[in-house]
Amino acid sequence: MIRHIVMWSLHEQAEGADKASNLDKAKALLLSCAQVVPGIATFEVAIATPGMDCTNDLVLHMLVDDAQVLAAYQNHPQHVAIKPFMKAVVKERRCMDFIVE
């Protein structure tokens, strides 16, 4: 299995909206991709909890069966369609994929 973790920090203002609005929209867009391909075992999206130690605003945590599932997810038209919005509102992105043994 492969664990896929992506964390984003968003701009305070982007796409005519404030950070909170863009976080809600980004979360909804990501969640809309939760079942676009078979082989996704875990799909979690969370917004940082105020008052807790967080260095990013938004996180995606996925556990997928294998590299083919991850590639299919990343290239799925529904996932590709959200990328322009994400690129417009994101200040910084961090990603890590690793094999779970």
N, C-alpha and C. Protein backbone atom coordinates (compact mmCIF):
# COMPACT_ATOMS: atom_id res chain seq x y z
N MET A 1 0.84 -1.18 0.00
CA MET A 1 0.00 0.00 0.00
C MET A 1 0.89 1.24 0.00
N ILE A 2 0.32 2.32 -0.47
CA ILE A 2 1.04 3.59 -0.51
C ILE A 2 0.24 4.64 0.27
N ARG A 3 0.94 5.35 1.13
CA ARG A 3 0.34 6.46 1.85
C ARG A 3 0.70 7.73 1.11
N HIS A 4 -0.30 8.55 0.82
CA HIS A 4 -0.15 9.81 0.08
C HIS A 4 -0.64 10.93 0.99
N ILE A 5 0.26 11.83 1.35
CA ILE A 5 -0.08 12.94 2.24
C ILE A 5 0.29 14.24 1.55
N VAL A 6 -0.67 15.17 1.49
CA VAL A 6 -0.43 16.48 0.90
C VAL A 6 -0.91 17.52 1.90
N MET A 7 -0.09 18.54 2.11
CA MET A 7 -0.46 19.64 3.01
C MET A 7 -0.32 20.96 2.26
N TRP A 8 -1.27 21.85 2.51
CA TRP A 8 -1.27 23.13 1.83
C TRP A 8 -1.39 24.27 2.84
N SER A 9 -0.74 25.37 2.52
CA SER A 9 -0.97 26.66 3.18
C SER A 9 -1.61 27.55 2.13
N LEU A 10 -2.68 28.23 2.50
CA LEU A 10 -3.41 29.05 1.55
C LEU A 10 -3.11 30.53 1.74
N HIS A 11 -3.32 31.28 0.66
CA HIS A 11 -3.22 32.74 0.72
C HIS A 11 -4.37 33.28 1.57
N GLU A 12 -4.16 34.43 2.17
CA GLU A 12 -5.21 35.06 2.97
C GLU A 12 -6.40 35.46 2.10
N GLN A 13 -6.13 35.86 0.86
CA GLN A 13 -7.16 36.24 -0.11
C GLN A 13 -6.76 35.65 -1.46
N ALA A 14 -7.72 35.07 -2.17
CA ALA A 14 -7.47 34.56 -3.52
C ALA A 14 -8.81 34.24 -4.17
N GLU A 15 -8.85 34.36 -5.46
CA GLU A 15 -10.06 34.04 -6.22
C GLU A 15 -11.29 34.79 -5.70
N GLY A 16 -11.07 36.02 -5.20
CA GLY A 16 -12.17 36.85 -4.72
C GLY A 16 -12.76 36.41 -3.39
N ALA A 17 -12.04 35.58 -2.65
CA ALA A 17 -12.57 35.08 -1.38
C ALA A 17 -11.48 35.07 -0.32
N ASP A 18 -11.89 34.98 0.95
CA ASP A 18 -10.93 34.91 2.04
C ASP A 18 -10.47 33.47 2.25
N LYS A 19 -9.47 33.31 3.10
CA LYS A 19 -8.88 31.99 3.34
C LYS A 19 -9.92 30.98 3.83
N ALA A 20 -10.76 31.37 4.77
CA ALA A 20 -11.75 30.44 5.32
C ALA A 20 -12.68 29.91 4.24
N SER A 21 -13.15 30.79 3.38
CA SER A 21 -14.04 30.36 2.29
C SER A 21 -13.31 29.43 1.32
N ASN A 22 -12.07 29.78 1.00
CA ASN A 22 -11.30 28.94 0.08
C ASN A 22 -10.95 27.60 0.70
N LEU A 23 -10.72 27.56 2.01
CA LEU A 23 -10.48 26.28 2.69
C LEU A 23 -11.71 25.38 2.60
N ASP A 24 -12.87 25.94 2.84
CA ASP A 24 -14.10 25.16 2.74
C ASP A 24 -14.31 24.63 1.33
N LYS A 25 -14.06 25.48 0.34
CA LYS A 25 -14.24 25.06 -1.05
C LYS A 25 -13.20 24.00 -1.42
N ALA A 26 -11.95 24.19 -1.03
CA ALA A 26 -10.90 23.22 -1.33
C ALA A 26 -11.22 21.87 -0.70
N LYS A 27 -11.68 21.88 0.54
CA LYS A 27 -12.03 20.63 1.22
C LYS A 27 -13.15 19.92 0.47
N ALA A 28 -14.17 20.65 0.08
CA ALA A 28 -15.30 20.05 -0.64
C ALA A 28 -14.84 19.48 -1.99
N LEU A 29 -14.00 20.23 -2.69
CA LEU A 29 -13.50 19.75 -3.98
C LEU A 29 -12.68 18.47 -3.82
N LEU A 30 -11.81 18.46 -2.82
CA LEU A 30 -11.02 17.26 -2.58
C LEU A 30 -11.91 16.07 -2.22
N LEU A 31 -12.86 16.28 -1.32
CA LEU A 31 -13.75 15.20 -0.92
C LEU A 31 -14.57 14.66 -2.09
N SER A 32 -14.83 15.50 -3.08
CA SER A 32 -15.57 15.04 -4.25
C SER A 32 -14.77 14.02 -5.07
N CYS A 33 -13.49 13.91 -4.79
CA CYS A 33 -12.62 12.97 -5.50
C CYS A 33 -12.37 11.68 -4.72
N ALA A 34 -13.03 11.52 -3.59
CA ALA A 34 -12.73 10.41 -2.68
C ALA A 34 -12.93 9.03 -3.30
N GLN A 35 -13.82 8.92 -4.26
CA GLN A 35 -14.11 7.60 -4.80
C GLN A 35 -14.01 7.56 -6.32
N VAL A 36 -13.13 8.38 -6.87
CA VAL A 36 -13.05 8.45 -8.34
C VAL A 36 -12.42 7.21 -8.96
N VAL A 37 -11.63 6.47 -8.19
CA VAL A 37 -11.04 5.23 -8.70
C VAL A 37 -11.13 4.16 -7.62
N PRO A 38 -11.26 2.90 -8.01
CA PRO A 38 -11.21 1.83 -7.02
C PRO A 38 -9.79 1.67 -6.48
N GLY A 39 -9.68 1.18 -5.26
CA GLY A 39 -8.38 0.94 -4.66
C GLY A 39 -7.95 1.99 -3.66
N ILE A 40 -8.83 2.95 -3.37
CA ILE A 40 -8.55 3.95 -2.35
C ILE A 40 -9.11 3.40 -1.03
N ALA A 41 -8.23 3.06 -0.10
CA ALA A 41 -8.65 2.47 1.17
C ALA A 41 -9.03 3.53 2.20
N THR A 42 -8.29 4.63 2.21
CA THR A 42 -8.53 5.73 3.15
C THR A 42 -8.46 7.04 2.38
N PHE A 43 -9.38 7.95 2.68
CA PHE A 43 -9.37 9.26 2.06
C PHE A 43 -9.88 10.25 3.09
N GLU A 44 -8.98 11.05 3.65
CA GLU A 44 -9.34 12.03 4.68
C GLU A 44 -8.85 13.41 4.28
N VAL A 45 -9.69 14.39 4.50
CA VAL A 45 -9.33 15.79 4.27
C VAL A 45 -9.69 16.55 5.53
N ALA A 46 -8.76 17.39 6.01
CA ALA A 46 -9.03 18.14 7.23
C ALA A 46 -8.47 19.55 7.12
N ILE A 47 -9.19 20.46 7.75
CA ILE A 47 -8.76 21.85 7.90
C ILE A 47 -8.14 21.97 9.29
N ALA A 48 -7.06 22.71 9.41
CA ALA A 48 -6.37 22.88 10.69
C ALA A 48 -7.35 23.36 11.75
N THR A 49 -7.22 22.81 12.94
CA THR A 49 -8.05 23.20 14.07
C THR A 49 -7.43 24.41 14.75
N PRO A 50 -8.17 25.52 14.85
CA PRO A 50 -7.63 26.71 15.51
C PRO A 50 -7.17 26.38 16.93
N GLY A 51 -6.02 26.92 17.31
CA GLY A 51 -5.49 26.72 18.64
C GLY A 51 -4.60 25.50 18.79
N MET A 52 -4.60 24.63 17.78
CA MET A 52 -3.73 23.46 17.83
C MET A 52 -2.47 23.76 17.04
N ASP A 53 -1.41 23.03 17.32
CA ASP A 53 -0.13 23.25 16.67
C ASP A 53 -0.19 22.78 15.21
N CYS A 54 -0.34 23.71 14.30
CA CYS A 54 -0.45 23.40 12.87
C CYS A 54 0.44 24.34 12.07
N THR A 55 1.14 23.79 11.12
CA THR A 55 1.97 24.63 10.25
C THR A 55 1.39 24.74 8.86
N ASN A 56 0.29 24.03 8.60
CA ASN A 56 -0.41 24.10 7.33
C ASN A 56 -1.89 24.28 7.59
N ASP A 57 -2.60 24.68 6.54
CA ASP A 57 -4.02 24.98 6.67
C ASP A 57 -4.93 23.79 6.33
N LEU A 58 -4.46 22.93 5.44
CA LEU A 58 -5.31 21.87 4.90
C LEU A 58 -4.45 20.64 4.66
N VAL A 59 -5.02 19.46 4.89
CA VAL A 59 -4.27 18.22 4.67
C VAL A 59 -5.17 17.20 3.97
N LEU A 60 -4.54 16.43 3.09
CA LEU A 60 -5.17 15.27 2.46
C LEU A 60 -4.33 14.06 2.85
N HIS A 61 -5.00 13.03 3.35
CA HIS A 61 -4.33 11.78 3.71
C HIS A 61 -5.04 10.65 2.98
N MET A 62 -4.29 9.95 2.14
CA MET A 62 -4.85 8.81 1.40
C MET A 62 -4.01 7.58 1.64
N LEU A 63 -4.67 6.43 1.62
CA LEU A 63 -4.00 5.15 1.62
C LEU A 63 -4.57 4.41 0.42
N VAL A 64 -3.69 4.05 -0.51
CA VAL A 64 -4.13 3.40 -1.75
C VAL A 64 -3.45 2.05 -1.90
N ASP A 65 -4.05 1.19 -2.70
CA ASP A 65 -3.54 -0.16 -2.87
C ASP A 65 -2.14 -0.22 -3.46
N ASP A 66 -1.88 0.62 -4.47
CA ASP A 66 -0.58 0.55 -5.13
C ASP A 66 -0.34 1.81 -5.97
N ALA A 67 0.82 1.87 -6.61
CA ALA A 67 1.21 3.04 -7.40
C ALA A 67 0.27 3.27 -8.57
N GLN A 68 -0.31 2.21 -9.12
CA GLN A 68 -1.24 2.36 -10.24
C GLN A 68 -2.52 3.08 -9.80
N VAL A 69 -2.99 2.78 -8.60
CA VAL A 69 -4.17 3.46 -8.07
C VAL A 69 -3.86 4.94 -7.86
N LEU A 70 -2.70 5.24 -7.28
CA LEU A 70 -2.33 6.64 -7.06
C LEU A 70 -2.22 7.38 -8.38
N ALA A 71 -1.61 6.78 -9.37
CA ALA A 71 -1.49 7.41 -10.69
C ALA A 71 -2.86 7.63 -11.32
N ALA A 72 -3.74 6.64 -11.18
CA ALA A 72 -5.10 6.77 -11.74
C ALA A 72 -5.84 7.91 -11.06
N TYR A 73 -5.69 8.03 -9.76
CA TYR A 73 -6.32 9.14 -9.02
C TYR A 73 -5.76 10.48 -9.50
N GLN A 74 -4.44 10.59 -9.56
CA GLN A 74 -3.82 11.86 -9.92
C GLN A 74 -4.17 12.29 -11.34
N ASN A 75 -4.43 11.34 -12.22
CA ASN A 75 -4.74 11.67 -13.61
C ASN A 75 -6.23 11.62 -13.94
N HIS A 76 -7.06 11.32 -12.96
CA HIS A 76 -8.50 11.26 -13.19
C HIS A 76 -9.02 12.66 -13.53
N PRO A 77 -9.88 12.78 -14.54
CA PRO A 77 -10.38 14.10 -14.95
C PRO A 77 -11.01 14.92 -13.82
N GLN A 78 -11.69 14.27 -12.89
CA GLN A 78 -12.30 15.01 -11.78
C GLN A 78 -11.23 15.61 -10.87
N HIS A 79 -10.15 14.89 -10.64
CA HIS A 79 -9.05 15.41 -9.83
C HIS A 79 -8.30 16.50 -10.59
N VAL A 80 -8.04 16.27 -11.85
CA VAL A 80 -7.33 17.26 -12.68
C VAL A 80 -8.12 18.57 -12.72
N ALA A 81 -9.44 18.48 -12.72
CA ALA A 81 -10.30 19.66 -12.82
C ALA A 81 -10.20 20.59 -11.61
N ILE A 82 -9.79 20.08 -10.45
CA ILE A 82 -9.71 20.95 -9.27
C ILE A 82 -8.35 21.65 -9.15
N LYS A 83 -7.38 21.20 -9.93
CA LYS A 83 -6.03 21.75 -9.82
C LYS A 83 -5.93 23.25 -10.08
N PRO A 84 -6.62 23.82 -11.07
CA PRO A 84 -6.51 25.27 -11.27
C PRO A 84 -6.95 26.08 -10.04
N PHE A 85 -8.04 25.66 -9.40
CA PHE A 85 -8.47 26.36 -8.19
C PHE A 85 -7.42 26.22 -7.10
N MET A 86 -6.94 25.01 -6.89
CA MET A 86 -5.95 24.79 -5.84
C MET A 86 -4.69 25.62 -6.09
N LYS A 87 -4.21 25.65 -7.31
CA LYS A 87 -3.01 26.43 -7.62
C LYS A 87 -3.24 27.91 -7.38
N ALA A 88 -4.46 28.38 -7.61
CA ALA A 88 -4.76 29.80 -7.43
C ALA A 88 -4.81 30.22 -5.96
N VAL A 89 -5.24 29.32 -5.09
CA VAL A 89 -5.43 29.69 -3.68
C VAL A 89 -4.28 29.26 -2.78
N VAL A 90 -3.43 28.38 -3.27
CA VAL A 90 -2.37 27.81 -2.45
C VAL A 90 -1.10 28.65 -2.49
N LYS A 91 -0.59 28.94 -1.30
CA LYS A 91 0.67 29.65 -1.15
C LYS A 91 1.83 28.66 -1.14
N GLU A 92 1.63 27.52 -0.48
CA GLU A 92 2.69 26.51 -0.37
C GLU A 92 2.06 25.13 -0.30
N ARG A 93 2.72 24.17 -0.97
CA ARG A 93 2.25 22.78 -0.99
C ARG A 93 3.40 21.87 -0.60
N ARG A 94 3.08 20.88 0.22
CA ARG A 94 4.06 19.85 0.61
C ARG A 94 3.39 18.49 0.37
N CYS A 95 4.20 17.55 -0.11
CA CYS A 95 3.65 16.24 -0.43
C CYS A 95 4.65 15.17 -0.04
N MET A 96 4.13 14.01 0.39
CA MET A 96 4.98 12.86 0.63
C MET A 96 4.19 11.59 0.34
N ASP A 97 4.81 10.71 -0.44
CA ASP A 97 4.27 9.39 -0.72
C ASP A 97 5.27 8.37 -0.19
N PHE A 98 4.75 7.32 0.44
CA PHE A 98 5.67 6.27 0.88
C PHE A 98 4.94 4.94 0.96
N ILE A 99 5.71 3.87 0.83
CA ILE A 99 5.16 2.53 0.88
C ILE A 99 4.93 2.14 2.34
N VAL A 100 3.75 1.62 2.59
CA VAL A 100 3.40 1.14 3.92
C VAL A 100 3.63 -0.37 3.93
N GLU A 101 4.49 -0.80 4.82
CA GLU A 101 4.82 -2.23 4.90
C GLU A 101 4.11 -2.90 6.04
